[in-house]
Amino acid sequence: MEASWFVVLPPLIVIIIAACTKRILFALFMGIATGSLVVSGGSITDAISFAVGRLWRVTQISHLSSWDGFWRCTYFFGLIFFLLLSILIVIMRRSGAAYAYGAFALKKIQTMKGAETASLIMSCFFAAIDDYFTSMTLGSVMQPITDQFSIPRVKLALLISVIAAPISMILPFSSWVADLISLLRSAGVSDGYSGSIVKTDLFAFYFSSVPFMLYAIIMIIIVCYMTSKRMSYGIIARHELYAAKTGELFDGKLAIMPPQGTEATEVVKKNSKLMDFLFSIITLYVSTIALILWSGGWVFFGGTASFFSALQHGNFFFSFAGGAFCAVILSFIYFLVRKQLHYNQVVGVAIDGFLLAGSALVTLWFSWVFGSIIARDLKTGSFLAELMIGHVSVASFPLMFFILSAVIATILGRTSGTISILVPIAFEMVPAFLGLPLPIDLTQVPILSALLGAIISGSVVGKHFSPVADTTVMTSAVAGCYHLDLVKSQIQLALPSFFASLLGYYVIGITIDTYGSMPSAAIGLSVALITNLIIVHILHWLSSYRRDHFYDIARHRR
């Protein structure tokens, strides 16, 4: 279809409906319907046919007819992983494993700050593999502990989700980096392949961009700093105040109580051990990593690839689903042997798992369908990129692409889609602007590393701003908080880091040619971090002042 402003209409409709009705599933449904109408040129019958076809296609069930198709079922494996993880959660509850962990953690964690810090540490640990892994797993693990300390559910979800994506993008052995390497290769980066645009080692290029991921680095530092100093503002501060006064965790709204199935009996709880919990989690973790290495052809498993090469080429979505399957089967067998479960509970556990996944599965499915329509059919991101890129100086490229990446990622709700749109554009523009013959050497044009870091950071901003980001949908569902409360709290936390990063990328643009890559990255990061800290302290002071001021007025009236 011909690009026009109509391609921006569906994401705007989703944002407006979600903000007005607080119903993200309905908003996504309307976004899919509107997008289908735009794609079909206004024909209702064609739009219905297109929407139904896309809903079916995203399930990828038709791919299961062949081995090659099965191997490429990313969406299908994602849904299966979410469902199996829900079943594993039910197993851990019924067997008393979750109770055992909660009892152990409450002996070690004595304060609210300790519970929040533990949530952050575990988020970093799980995100080392994948931010999906964190979103789908950690909420159910930490929820019983944080509830004991009256930590609002939205804050638990925020602690889980807000640093998961930044950690995944900075650590070189996460699933996301493997996707990035593939995207860079398709965009024309190689170490000597004919026809390439940039001549360099792919991993070396990635590592050179890490210091320029200002927003991702700053967000990790700021969240850890605010947690250690017990600082908050905005929605989080309001929820914390309400929880402190009433003990309720949803700011006066109806508590979210997802179907949890039958809890463990008192006898089962009494016989449960910490090892029960560790067995399920370790089995999930080890099985997933083992399948990543196996699918990547690690030499230890009969392949020819080295450890890091196997991590790079492993099938992560298949591995997550397979790891969850192994964890479910082995955990059930383990608890049968331990007599914490009985074989006649299999059907009940499966049903409770389906109920627990519930609407979150449908919301996740709809968010993928909507993102697919926006990225592949309407090409909204490409339209905005072409619209916003004008005749500017090379020094402003990092700032411009950071803004552009944030806008597109907010609309798409995806990092990989945003990067796949902007990286080829950036790599084609820079040589053209500088008049350099292809392929160019990375050492000739250090600003390319800054551009890649800016695009990646902007895509993380979109993850935090977007109401349709799949990881946000999953985190709110698993942690048991209102989805739009999490979206709003992420935006409030992310905005200071976003504006501070704008200043940092401006500084990098004007200093990189003079001082080189690493010094300019250090200067830009320092300026951005100091700016962010100042903004956060001001917002925290204003929030505290407003709260104390209202208390003074209330006491005076009494």
Protein backbone atom coordinates (compact mmCIF):
# COMPACT_ATOMS: atom_id res chain seq x y z
CA MET A 1 0.00 0.00 0.00
CA GLU A 2 1.07 3.59 -0.59
CA ALA A 3 2.48 5.28 2.50
CA SER A 4 0.24 7.98 3.99
CA TRP A 5 -0.75 9.36 7.35
CA PHE A 6 -3.35 6.59 7.64
CA VAL A 7 -0.58 4.19 8.70
CA VAL A 8 -0.22 6.18 11.94
CA LEU A 9 -3.94 5.91 12.75
CA PRO A 10 -4.05 2.37 14.26
CA PRO A 11 -1.35 2.96 16.93
CA LEU A 12 -2.97 6.27 17.85
CA ILE A 13 -6.33 4.54 18.26
CA VAL A 14 -4.78 1.88 20.51
CA ILE A 15 -3.12 4.50 22.73
CA ILE A 16 -6.27 6.65 22.99
CA ILE A 17 -8.65 3.76 23.70
CA ALA A 18 -6.28 2.21 26.24
CA ALA A 19 -5.89 5.54 28.03
CA CYS A 20 -9.64 6.26 28.07
CA THR A 21 -11.10 2.81 28.79
CA LYS A 22 -8.20 1.16 30.68
CA ARG A 23 -8.92 -1.97 28.63
CA ILE A 24 -5.79 -2.95 26.73
CA LEU A 25 -7.32 -6.06 25.12
CA PHE A 26 -10.18 -4.05 23.65
CA ALA A 27 -7.72 -1.37 22.52
CA LEU A 28 -5.60 -3.97 20.72
CA PHE A 29 -8.70 -5.46 19.10
CA MET A 30 -9.67 -2.02 17.76
CA GLY A 31 -6.09 -1.44 16.61
CA ILE A 32 -6.13 -4.72 14.66
CA ALA A 33 -9.53 -3.86 13.16
CA THR A 34 -8.42 -0.35 12.15
CA GLY A 35 -5.12 -1.57 10.76
CA SER A 36 -6.91 -4.24 8.73
CA LEU A 37 -9.25 -1.61 7.29
CA VAL A 38 -6.32 0.57 6.27
CA VAL A 39 -4.50 -2.37 4.66
CA SER A 40 -7.63 -3.45 2.77
CA GLY A 41 -8.37 0.06 1.51
CA GLY A 42 -11.57 0.42 3.53
CA SER A 43 -13.24 -2.82 2.40
CA ILE A 44 -14.94 -4.39 5.44
CA THR A 45 -15.07 -7.92 4.00
CA ASP A 46 -11.42 -7.78 2.95
CA ALA A 47 -10.50 -6.35 6.35
CA ILE A 48 -12.23 -9.21 8.18
CA SER A 49 -10.56 -11.76 5.95
CA PHE A 50 -7.17 -10.11 6.46
CA ALA A 51 -7.55 -9.86 10.26
CA VAL A 52 -8.66 -13.49 10.63
CA GLY A 53 -5.83 -14.63 8.39
CA ARG A 54 -3.26 -12.65 10.35
CA LEU A 55 -4.61 -13.91 13.70
CA TRP A 56 -4.24 -17.47 12.45
CA ARG A 57 -0.85 -16.87 10.85
CA VAL A 58 0.69 -15.46 14.02
CA THR A 59 -0.16 -18.67 15.91
CA GLN A 60 2.16 -20.39 13.37
CA ILE A 61 0.32 -23.69 13.80
CA SER A 62 0.47 -24.21 10.04
CA HIS A 63 4.29 -24.20 10.27
CA LEU A 64 4.25 -27.42 12.28
CA SER A 65 3.80 -29.51 9.12
CA SER A 66 7.54 -29.40 8.36
CA TRP A 67 10.75 -29.45 10.38
CA ASP A 68 12.00 -26.17 8.92
CA GLY A 69 8.68 -24.53 9.68
CA PHE A 70 8.65 -25.95 13.20
CA TRP A 71 12.13 -24.55 13.82
CA ARG A 72 10.95 -21.03 12.89
CA CYS A 73 7.83 -20.94 15.10
CA THR A 74 8.85 -18.03 17.32
CA TYR A 75 5.32 -16.85 18.21
CA PHE A 76 4.08 -20.41 18.74
CA PHE A 77 6.97 -21.23 21.04
CA GLY A 78 6.41 -17.98 22.93
CA LEU A 79 2.77 -18.85 23.65
CA ILE A 80 3.70 -22.41 24.60
CA PHE A 81 6.39 -21.12 26.96
CA PHE A 82 3.92 -18.78 28.67
CA LEU A 83 1.38 -21.58 29.07
CA LEU A 84 3.90 -24.14 30.35
CA LEU A 85 5.33 -21.59 32.74
CA SER A 86 1.83 -21.02 34.14
CA ILE A 87 1.47 -24.78 34.65
CA LEU A 88 4.88 -24.87 36.39
CA ILE A 89 3.74 -22.08 38.71
CA VAL A 90 0.64 -24.11 39.62
CA ILE A 91 2.82 -27.18 40.29
CA MET A 92 5.06 -25.15 42.58
CA ARG A 93 2.05 -23.82 44.49
CA ARG A 94 0.28 -27.16 44.88
CA SER A 95 3.47 -28.96 45.90
CA GLY A 96 4.35 -26.39 48.56
CA ALA A 97 7.54 -25.36 46.73
CA ALA A 98 6.42 -21.74 46.49
CA TYR A 99 5.51 -21.77 50.18
CA ALA A 100 8.95 -23.18 51.06
CA TYR A 101 10.72 -20.42 49.15
CA GLY A 102 8.51 -17.76 50.71
CA ALA A 103 9.21 -19.05 54.21
CA PHE A 104 12.95 -19.14 53.51
CA ALA A 105 13.02 -15.69 51.92
CA LEU A 106 11.08 -14.10 54.78
CA LYS A 107 13.74 -15.36 57.20
CA LYS A 108 16.48 -13.70 55.15
CA ILE A 109 14.64 -10.58 53.98
CA GLN A 110 13.75 -8.41 56.95
CA THR A 111 12.86 -5.08 55.36
CA MET A 112 10.91 -3.60 52.48
CA LYS A 113 14.18 -2.35 50.99
CA GLY A 114 15.57 -5.88 51.18
CA ALA A 115 12.57 -7.27 49.28
CA GLU A 116 12.90 -4.63 46.57
CA THR A 117 16.64 -5.20 46.29
CA ALA A 118 16.11 -8.95 46.00
CA SER A 119 13.62 -8.33 43.18
CA LEU A 120 16.18 -6.23 41.34
CA ILE A 121 18.97 -8.76 41.80
CA MET A 122 16.83 -11.61 40.54
CA SER A 123 15.66 -9.48 37.61
CA CYS A 124 19.29 -8.98 36.59
CA PHE A 125 19.97 -12.70 37.02
CA PHE A 126 17.04 -13.82 34.86
CA ALA A 127 17.54 -11.04 32.28
CA ALA A 128 21.04 -12.39 31.64
CA ILE A 129 19.26 -14.95 29.46
CA ASP A 130 16.34 -12.95 28.11
CA ASP A 131 13.91 -10.19 29.12
CA TYR A 132 11.02 -12.52 28.16
CA PHE A 133 12.38 -15.02 30.66
CA THR A 134 12.33 -12.34 33.36
CA SER A 135 8.85 -11.07 32.51
CA MET A 136 7.29 -14.53 32.48
CA THR A 137 9.02 -15.92 35.55
CA LEU A 138 9.99 -13.44 38.21
CA GLY A 139 6.60 -11.96 39.14
CA SER A 140 5.23 -15.23 40.46
CA VAL A 141 8.47 -15.93 42.35
CA MET A 142 8.70 -12.58 44.17
CA GLN A 143 5.01 -11.73 44.57
CA PRO A 144 4.46 -13.63 47.86
CA ILE A 145 7.52 -11.97 49.42
CA THR A 146 6.76 -8.41 48.34
CA ASP A 147 3.13 -8.81 49.42
CA GLN A 148 4.35 -9.57 52.94
CA PHE A 149 6.04 -6.16 53.07
CA SER A 150 3.08 -4.32 51.53
CA ILE A 151 5.02 -3.40 48.41
CA PRO A 152 2.48 -2.33 45.77
CA ARG A 153 2.09 -4.78 42.92
CA VAL A 154 2.83 -2.09 40.36
CA LYS A 155 6.20 -1.42 42.01
CA LEU A 156 7.06 -5.13 41.93
CA ALA A 157 6.18 -5.21 38.23
CA LEU A 158 8.22 -2.05 37.65
CA LEU A 159 11.30 -3.48 39.39
CA ILE A 160 11.00 -6.60 37.25
CA SER A 161 10.37 -5.01 33.87
CA VAL A 162 12.24 -1.72 33.81
CA ILE A 163 15.80 -3.08 33.87
CA ALA A 164 15.16 -6.42 32.15
CA ALA A 165 15.51 -5.06 28.61
CA PRO A 166 18.55 -2.83 29.41
CA ILE A 167 20.35 -5.76 31.08
CA SER A 168 19.57 -8.10 28.17
CA MET A 169 20.96 -5.62 25.67
CA ILE A 170 24.16 -4.85 27.55
CA LEU A 171 25.16 -8.41 28.46
CA PRO A 172 26.77 -10.16 25.48
CA PHE A 173 25.36 -13.65 26.12
CA SER A 174 21.63 -12.85 26.19
CA SER A 175 19.22 -14.03 23.51
CA TRP A 176 18.69 -10.47 22.39
CA VAL A 177 22.34 -10.01 21.39
CA ALA A 178 22.05 -13.07 19.15
CA ASP A 179 19.10 -11.38 17.39
CA LEU A 180 21.09 -8.15 17.09
CA ILE A 181 24.03 -9.94 15.46
CA SER A 182 21.64 -11.43 12.92
CA LEU A 183 20.10 -8.00 12.24
CA LEU A 184 23.53 -6.41 11.78
CA ARG A 185 24.56 -9.13 9.34
CA SER A 186 21.40 -8.60 7.25
CA ALA A 187 21.99 -4.81 7.33
CA GLY A 188 25.38 -5.15 5.65
CA VAL A 189 27.87 -5.55 8.49
CA SER A 190 30.49 -8.26 8.05
CA ASP A 191 34.22 -8.91 8.38
CA GLY A 192 34.87 -9.09 4.68
CA TYR A 193 31.80 -10.33 2.84
CA SER A 194 31.48 -8.84 -0.63
CA GLY A 195 28.76 -6.23 -0.88
CA SER A 196 28.90 -5.30 2.79
CA ILE A 197 28.49 -1.70 3.94
CA VAL A 198 30.55 -1.84 7.13
CA LYS A 199 33.65 -4.03 7.36
CA THR A 200 34.18 -5.18 10.93
CA ASP A 201 33.71 -8.12 13.24
CA LEU A 202 30.06 -8.33 14.30
CA PHE A 203 30.74 -8.88 17.99
CA ALA A 204 33.41 -6.16 17.99
CA PHE A 205 30.85 -3.76 16.51
CA TYR A 206 28.32 -4.69 19.19
CA PHE A 207 30.87 -4.23 22.00
CA SER A 208 31.90 -0.84 20.60
CA SER A 209 28.27 0.32 20.77
CA VAL A 210 27.69 -0.67 24.42
CA PRO A 211 29.22 2.55 25.93
CA PHE A 212 26.82 4.54 23.73
CA MET A 213 23.69 2.81 25.06
CA LEU A 214 23.16 5.79 27.35
CA TYR A 215 19.51 5.25 28.21
CA ALA A 216 19.97 1.56 28.99
CA ILE A 217 23.00 2.20 31.23
CA ILE A 218 21.40 5.18 32.98
CA MET A 219 18.15 3.33 33.63
CA ILE A 220 19.98 0.48 35.39
CA ILE A 221 21.97 2.92 37.54
CA ILE A 222 18.97 5.12 38.37
CA VAL A 223 16.68 2.25 39.36
CA CYS A 224 19.35 0.73 41.62
CA TYR A 225 20.09 4.17 43.11
CA MET A 226 16.43 4.97 43.80
CA THR A 227 15.89 1.56 45.36
CA SER A 228 18.90 1.92 47.65
CA LYS A 229 17.81 5.44 48.70
CA ARG A 230 14.10 4.51 49.00
CA MET A 231 13.15 7.27 46.56
CA SER A 232 9.93 7.42 44.57
CA TYR A 233 7.53 9.85 42.96
CA GLY A 234 4.38 9.94 40.88
CA ILE A 235 2.21 6.82 40.64
CA ILE A 236 4.66 4.65 42.58
CA ALA A 237 4.79 7.13 45.47
CA ARG A 238 0.98 7.28 45.55
CA HIS A 239 0.66 3.50 45.57
CA GLU A 240 3.30 3.21 48.30
CA LEU A 241 1.54 5.78 50.47
CA TYR A 242 -1.82 4.03 50.07
CA ALA A 243 -0.26 0.63 50.83
CA ALA A 244 1.43 2.03 53.96
CA LYS A 245 -1.86 3.47 55.23
CA THR A 246 -4.20 0.60 54.35
CA GLY A 247 -2.11 -2.46 53.57
CA GLU A 248 -3.82 -2.69 50.16
CA LEU A 249 -1.59 -3.04 47.10
CA PHE A 250 -3.69 -1.61 44.27
CA ASP A 251 -4.21 2.06 45.23
CA GLY A 252 -7.85 1.53 46.19
CA LYS A 253 -8.78 -0.41 43.06
CA LEU A 254 -10.19 -3.92 43.10
CA ALA A 255 -7.44 -6.40 43.89
CA ILE A 256 -6.31 -8.58 41.01
CA MET A 257 -6.64 -12.20 42.02
CA PRO A 258 -5.85 -14.42 39.01
CA PRO A 259 -7.00 -18.04 39.20
CA GLN A 260 -4.35 -19.82 41.22
CA GLY A 261 -5.89 -23.23 41.55
CA THR A 262 -5.87 -25.34 44.69
CA GLU A 263 -3.19 -24.31 47.15
CA ALA A 264 -1.01 -26.79 48.98
CA THR A 265 -2.51 -28.40 52.06
CA GLU A 266 -1.04 -27.72 55.47
CA VAL A 267 0.50 -31.21 55.54
CA VAL A 268 2.18 -30.60 52.15
CA LYS A 269 3.43 -27.19 53.26
CA LYS A 270 4.88 -28.70 56.42
CA ASN A 271 6.82 -31.29 54.41
CA SER A 272 8.03 -28.86 51.74
CA LYS A 273 11.68 -27.86 51.51
CA LEU A 274 13.64 -25.07 49.87
CA MET A 275 15.12 -27.70 47.55
CA ASP A 276 11.63 -28.24 46.11
CA PHE A 277 11.59 -24.67 44.85
CA LEU A 278 15.21 -24.74 43.72
CA PHE A 279 14.68 -27.98 41.80
CA SER A 280 11.96 -26.44 39.60
CA ILE A 281 13.81 -23.16 38.99
CA ILE A 282 17.20 -24.78 38.38
CA THR A 283 15.62 -27.36 36.06
CA LEU A 284 13.96 -24.58 34.08
CA TYR A 285 17.18 -22.56 33.90
CA VAL A 286 19.53 -25.45 33.09
CA SER A 287 17.17 -27.05 30.55
CA THR A 288 16.76 -23.76 28.72
CA ILE A 289 20.50 -23.08 28.52
CA ALA A 290 21.23 -26.67 27.49
CA LEU A 291 18.70 -26.49 24.65
CA ILE A 292 20.10 -23.13 23.49
CA LEU A 293 23.56 -24.68 23.26
CA TRP A 294 22.23 -27.86 21.62
CA SER A 295 20.23 -25.95 19.01
CA GLY A 296 23.28 -23.77 18.38
CA GLY A 297 25.44 -26.81 17.64
CA TRP A 298 27.78 -26.72 20.65
CA VAL A 299 30.65 -29.13 20.19
CA PHE A 300 29.98 -30.71 23.60
CA PHE A 301 26.54 -31.78 22.32
CA GLY A 302 27.85 -33.26 19.08
CA GLY A 303 28.02 -30.08 17.00
CA THR A 304 30.96 -28.07 15.75
CA ALA A 305 30.37 -24.63 17.30
CA SER A 306 32.19 -23.09 20.24
CA PHE A 307 30.30 -22.11 23.39
CA PHE A 308 29.77 -18.47 22.41
CA SER A 309 29.05 -19.35 18.80
CA ALA A 310 26.39 -21.82 19.96
CA LEU A 311 24.85 -19.13 22.16
CA GLN A 312 24.81 -16.79 19.17
CA HIS A 313 23.11 -19.25 16.80
CA GLY A 314 20.84 -21.12 19.23
CA ASN A 315 17.08 -21.15 18.76
CA PHE A 316 16.01 -19.24 21.86
CA PHE A 317 12.25 -19.44 21.47
CA PHE A 318 12.36 -23.21 20.95
CA SER A 319 14.74 -23.48 23.91
CA PHE A 320 12.46 -21.50 26.22
CA ALA A 321 9.46 -23.66 25.33
CA GLY A 322 11.51 -26.86 25.54
CA GLY A 323 13.08 -25.82 28.83
CA ALA A 324 9.66 -25.09 30.32
CA PHE A 325 8.40 -28.46 29.10
CA CYS A 326 11.34 -30.25 30.71
CA ALA A 327 10.83 -28.31 33.94
CA VAL A 328 7.11 -29.20 34.05
CA ILE A 329 7.67 -32.92 33.41
CA LEU A 330 10.68 -33.31 35.71
CA SER A 331 9.11 -31.22 38.47
CA PHE A 332 5.93 -33.26 38.42
CA ILE A 333 7.93 -36.51 38.59
CA TYR A 334 10.06 -35.09 41.39
CA PHE A 335 7.01 -34.11 43.45
CA LEU A 336 5.38 -37.48 42.79
CA VAL A 337 8.47 -39.17 44.23
CA ARG A 338 8.46 -36.72 47.15
CA LYS A 339 4.72 -37.44 47.61
CA GLN A 340 3.99 -33.73 47.46
CA LEU A 341 1.70 -34.35 44.48
CA HIS A 342 -0.40 -37.28 43.27
CA TYR A 343 -0.76 -38.56 39.71
CA ASN A 344 -4.53 -37.89 39.74
CA GLN A 345 -3.77 -34.16 40.00
CA VAL A 346 -2.36 -33.95 36.45
CA VAL A 347 -5.62 -32.79 34.86
CA GLY A 348 -6.33 -30.27 37.60
CA VAL A 349 -2.84 -28.80 37.34
CA ALA A 350 -3.16 -28.43 33.56
CA ILE A 351 -6.59 -26.76 33.85
CA ASP A 352 -5.37 -24.36 36.53
CA GLY A 353 -2.39 -23.53 34.32
CA PHE A 354 -4.69 -22.64 31.44
CA LEU A 355 -6.82 -20.49 33.74
CA LEU A 356 -3.77 -18.76 35.18
CA ALA A 357 -2.48 -17.90 31.68
CA GLY A 358 -6.01 -16.80 30.76
CA SER A 359 -6.49 -13.40 29.21
CA ALA A 360 -2.74 -12.70 29.29
CA LEU A 361 -2.25 -15.24 26.50
CA VAL A 362 -4.91 -13.55 24.38
CA THR A 363 -3.48 -10.09 25.09
CA LEU A 364 -0.01 -11.30 24.15
CA TRP A 365 -1.38 -12.89 20.98
CA PHE A 366 -3.22 -9.68 20.01
CA SER A 367 -0.14 -7.54 20.72
CA TRP A 368 1.94 -9.70 18.36
CA VAL A 369 -0.74 -9.52 15.65
CA PHE A 370 -0.99 -5.75 16.01
CA GLY A 371 2.79 -5.34 15.92
CA SER A 372 2.97 -7.53 12.83
CA ILE A 373 0.38 -5.42 11.00
CA ILE A 374 2.09 -2.16 11.96
CA ALA A 375 5.60 -3.33 11.02
CA ARG A 376 5.04 -5.55 7.98
CA ASP A 377 1.85 -4.35 6.31
CA LEU A 378 1.44 -0.67 7.18
CA LYS A 379 5.22 -0.10 7.55
CA THR A 380 4.50 2.70 10.00
CA GLY A 381 8.08 2.76 11.24
CA SER A 382 9.56 3.18 7.78
CA PHE A 383 7.05 5.93 7.01
CA LEU A 384 8.01 7.86 10.13
CA ALA A 385 11.72 7.32 9.51
CA GLU A 386 11.51 8.73 5.98
CA LEU A 387 9.37 11.59 7.21
CA MET A 388 11.64 12.64 10.08
CA ILE A 389 15.03 12.21 8.42
CA GLY A 390 16.00 15.40 6.65
CA HIS A 391 19.16 17.23 5.66
CA VAL A 392 21.06 17.48 8.93
CA SER A 393 24.67 17.39 9.99
CA VAL A 394 26.36 14.10 10.84
CA ALA A 395 26.97 15.39 14.39
CA SER A 396 23.23 15.35 15.07
CA PHE A 397 22.78 11.76 13.86
CA PRO A 398 23.02 10.07 17.33
CA LEU A 399 20.41 12.44 18.78
CA MET A 400 18.12 12.18 15.75
CA PHE A 401 18.21 8.38 15.56
CA PHE A 402 17.69 8.07 19.33
CA ILE A 403 14.50 10.13 19.07
CA LEU A 404 13.36 8.32 15.95
CA SER A 405 14.01 4.91 17.49
CA ALA A 406 12.06 5.85 20.62
CA VAL A 407 9.07 7.04 18.57
CA ILE A 408 8.97 3.95 16.34
CA ALA A 409 9.52 1.49 19.21
CA THR A 410 6.71 3.14 21.19
CA ILE A 411 4.36 2.56 18.26
CA LEU A 412 5.54 -0.96 17.45
CA GLY A 413 6.13 -2.10 21.04
CA ARG A 414 9.18 -4.05 19.82
CA THR A 415 12.91 -3.53 19.89
CA SER A 416 13.93 -5.88 17.08
CA GLY A 417 11.40 -4.41 14.65
CA THR A 418 12.64 -0.90 15.37
CA ILE A 419 16.28 -1.84 14.97
CA SER A 420 15.64 -3.75 11.74
CA ILE A 421 14.04 -0.60 10.29
CA LEU A 422 16.60 1.99 11.39
CA VAL A 423 19.97 0.21 11.25
CA PRO A 424 19.97 -0.20 7.43
CA ILE A 425 18.89 3.43 7.03
CA ALA A 426 21.64 4.68 9.35
CA PHE A 427 24.35 2.58 7.73
CA GLU A 428 23.40 3.77 4.25
CA MET A 429 23.16 7.45 5.23
CA VAL A 430 26.54 7.84 6.94
CA PRO A 431 28.77 6.77 4.01
CA ALA A 432 26.63 8.84 1.64
CA PHE A 433 26.95 11.93 3.84
CA LEU A 434 30.70 11.50 4.22
CA GLY A 435 31.33 10.43 0.63
CA LEU A 436 33.21 7.27 1.62
CA PRO A 437 33.59 4.24 -0.68
CA LEU A 438 32.07 0.94 0.46
CA PRO A 439 32.75 -1.04 2.50
CA ILE A 440 33.80 1.42 5.18
CA ASP A 441 36.00 0.46 8.12
CA LEU A 442 34.52 0.99 11.57
CA THR A 443 37.70 2.73 12.71
CA GLN A 444 37.19 5.32 9.94
CA VAL A 445 33.71 6.28 11.15
CA PRO A 446 33.42 5.96 14.95
CA ILE A 447 30.03 7.66 14.86
CA LEU A 448 28.57 4.37 13.57
CA SER A 449 29.05 2.83 17.02
CA ALA A 450 27.30 5.82 18.54
CA LEU A 451 24.44 5.44 16.05
CA LEU A 452 23.98 1.77 16.87
CA GLY A 453 24.01 2.51 20.61
CA ALA A 454 21.49 5.34 20.12
CA ILE A 455 19.13 3.14 18.08
CA ILE A 456 19.30 0.34 20.65
CA SER A 457 18.72 2.76 23.53
CA GLY A 458 15.79 4.36 21.74
CA SER A 459 14.23 0.94 21.22
CA VAL A 460 14.43 0.36 24.99
CA VAL A 461 12.68 3.69 25.55
CA GLY A 462 9.85 2.44 23.32
CA LYS A 463 9.61 -0.74 25.41
CA HIS A 464 9.02 1.44 28.47
CA PHE A 465 6.67 3.92 26.79
CA SER A 466 4.53 1.54 24.74
CA PRO A 467 1.25 0.14 26.14
CA VAL A 468 1.44 -2.73 23.63
CA ALA A 469 4.98 -3.94 24.44
CA ASP A 470 4.75 -7.70 24.90
CA THR A 471 7.12 -7.84 27.87
CA THR A 472 5.02 -5.20 29.68
CA VAL A 473 1.87 -7.23 29.01
CA MET A 474 3.51 -10.37 30.39
CA THR A 475 5.02 -8.66 33.44
CA SER A 476 1.74 -7.07 34.53
CA ALA A 477 -0.06 -10.40 34.10
CA VAL A 478 2.47 -12.49 36.03
CA ALA A 479 3.07 -9.90 38.78
CA GLY A 480 -0.67 -9.37 39.15
CA CYS A 481 -0.99 -5.61 38.67
CA TYR A 482 -3.10 -3.37 36.45
CA HIS A 483 -1.44 -3.15 33.05
CA LEU A 484 -1.95 0.57 32.52
CA ASP A 485 -0.68 1.33 36.03
CA LEU A 486 2.57 -0.36 35.02
CA VAL A 487 2.68 1.51 31.71
CA LYS A 488 2.15 4.88 33.42
CA SER A 489 4.72 4.18 36.12
CA GLN A 490 7.28 3.10 33.49
CA ILE A 491 6.70 6.30 31.54
CA GLN A 492 7.11 8.45 34.65
CA LEU A 493 10.34 6.69 35.56
CA ALA A 494 11.65 6.67 31.99
CA LEU A 495 10.98 10.30 31.05
CA PRO A 496 13.85 11.81 33.11
CA SER A 497 16.27 9.23 31.67
CA PHE A 498 14.95 9.93 28.19
CA PHE A 499 15.49 13.69 28.45
CA ALA A 500 18.88 13.21 30.10
CA SER A 501 19.88 10.86 27.26
CA LEU A 502 18.87 13.51 24.72
CA LEU A 503 21.43 15.83 26.26
CA GLY A 504 24.00 13.03 26.39
CA TYR A 505 23.62 12.21 22.68
CA TYR A 506 23.88 15.88 21.78
CA VAL A 507 27.19 16.06 23.68
CA ILE A 508 28.44 12.88 21.98
CA GLY A 509 27.61 14.28 18.55
CA ILE A 510 29.69 17.41 19.07
CA THR A 511 32.64 15.73 20.83
CA ILE A 512 33.18 12.40 19.06
CA ASP A 513 35.25 13.79 16.18
CA THR A 514 37.43 15.79 18.53
CA TYR A 515 38.01 13.34 21.38
CA GLY A 516 37.23 9.93 19.84
CA SER A 517 34.72 7.20 20.69
CA MET A 518 35.39 6.24 24.30
CA PRO A 519 36.08 9.75 25.70
CA SER A 520 32.96 11.16 24.01
CA ALA A 521 30.88 8.24 25.31
CA ALA A 522 32.22 8.82 28.84
CA ILE A 523 31.49 12.57 28.62
CA GLY A 524 27.99 12.02 27.24
CA LEU A 525 27.17 9.38 29.85
CA SER A 526 28.46 11.58 32.70
CA VAL A 527 26.43 14.58 31.57
CA ALA A 528 23.29 12.46 31.12
CA LEU A 529 23.66 10.65 34.43
CA ILE A 530 24.23 13.85 36.44
CA THR A 531 21.24 15.45 34.72
CA ASN A 532 19.07 12.42 35.46
CA LEU A 533 20.08 12.37 39.12
CA ILE A 534 19.20 16.06 39.49
CA ILE A 535 15.78 15.54 37.87
CA VAL A 536 15.01 12.49 40.02
CA HIS A 537 15.94 14.30 43.23
CA ILE A 538 13.73 17.25 42.28
CA LEU A 539 10.78 14.97 41.47
CA HIS A 540 11.25 13.05 44.72
CA TRP A 541 11.42 16.30 46.71
CA LEU A 542 8.28 17.64 45.02
CA SER A 543 6.44 14.39 45.73
CA SER A 544 7.50 14.44 49.39
CA TYR A 545 6.65 18.12 49.74
CA ARG A 546 3.20 17.65 48.22
CA ARG A 547 2.49 14.70 50.50
CA ASP A 548 3.67 16.51 53.66
CA HIS A 549 1.84 19.68 52.63
CA PHE A 550 -1.46 17.85 52.22
CA TYR A 551 -0.93 16.13 55.59
CA ASP A 552 -0.36 19.51 57.25
CA ILE A 553 -3.55 20.88 55.72
CA ALA A 554 -5.51 17.80 56.82
CA ARG A 555 -4.19 18.04 60.39
CA HIS A 556 -5.01 21.77 60.51
CA ARG A 557 -8.59 21.15 59.38
CA ARG A 558 -9.05 18.48 62.04
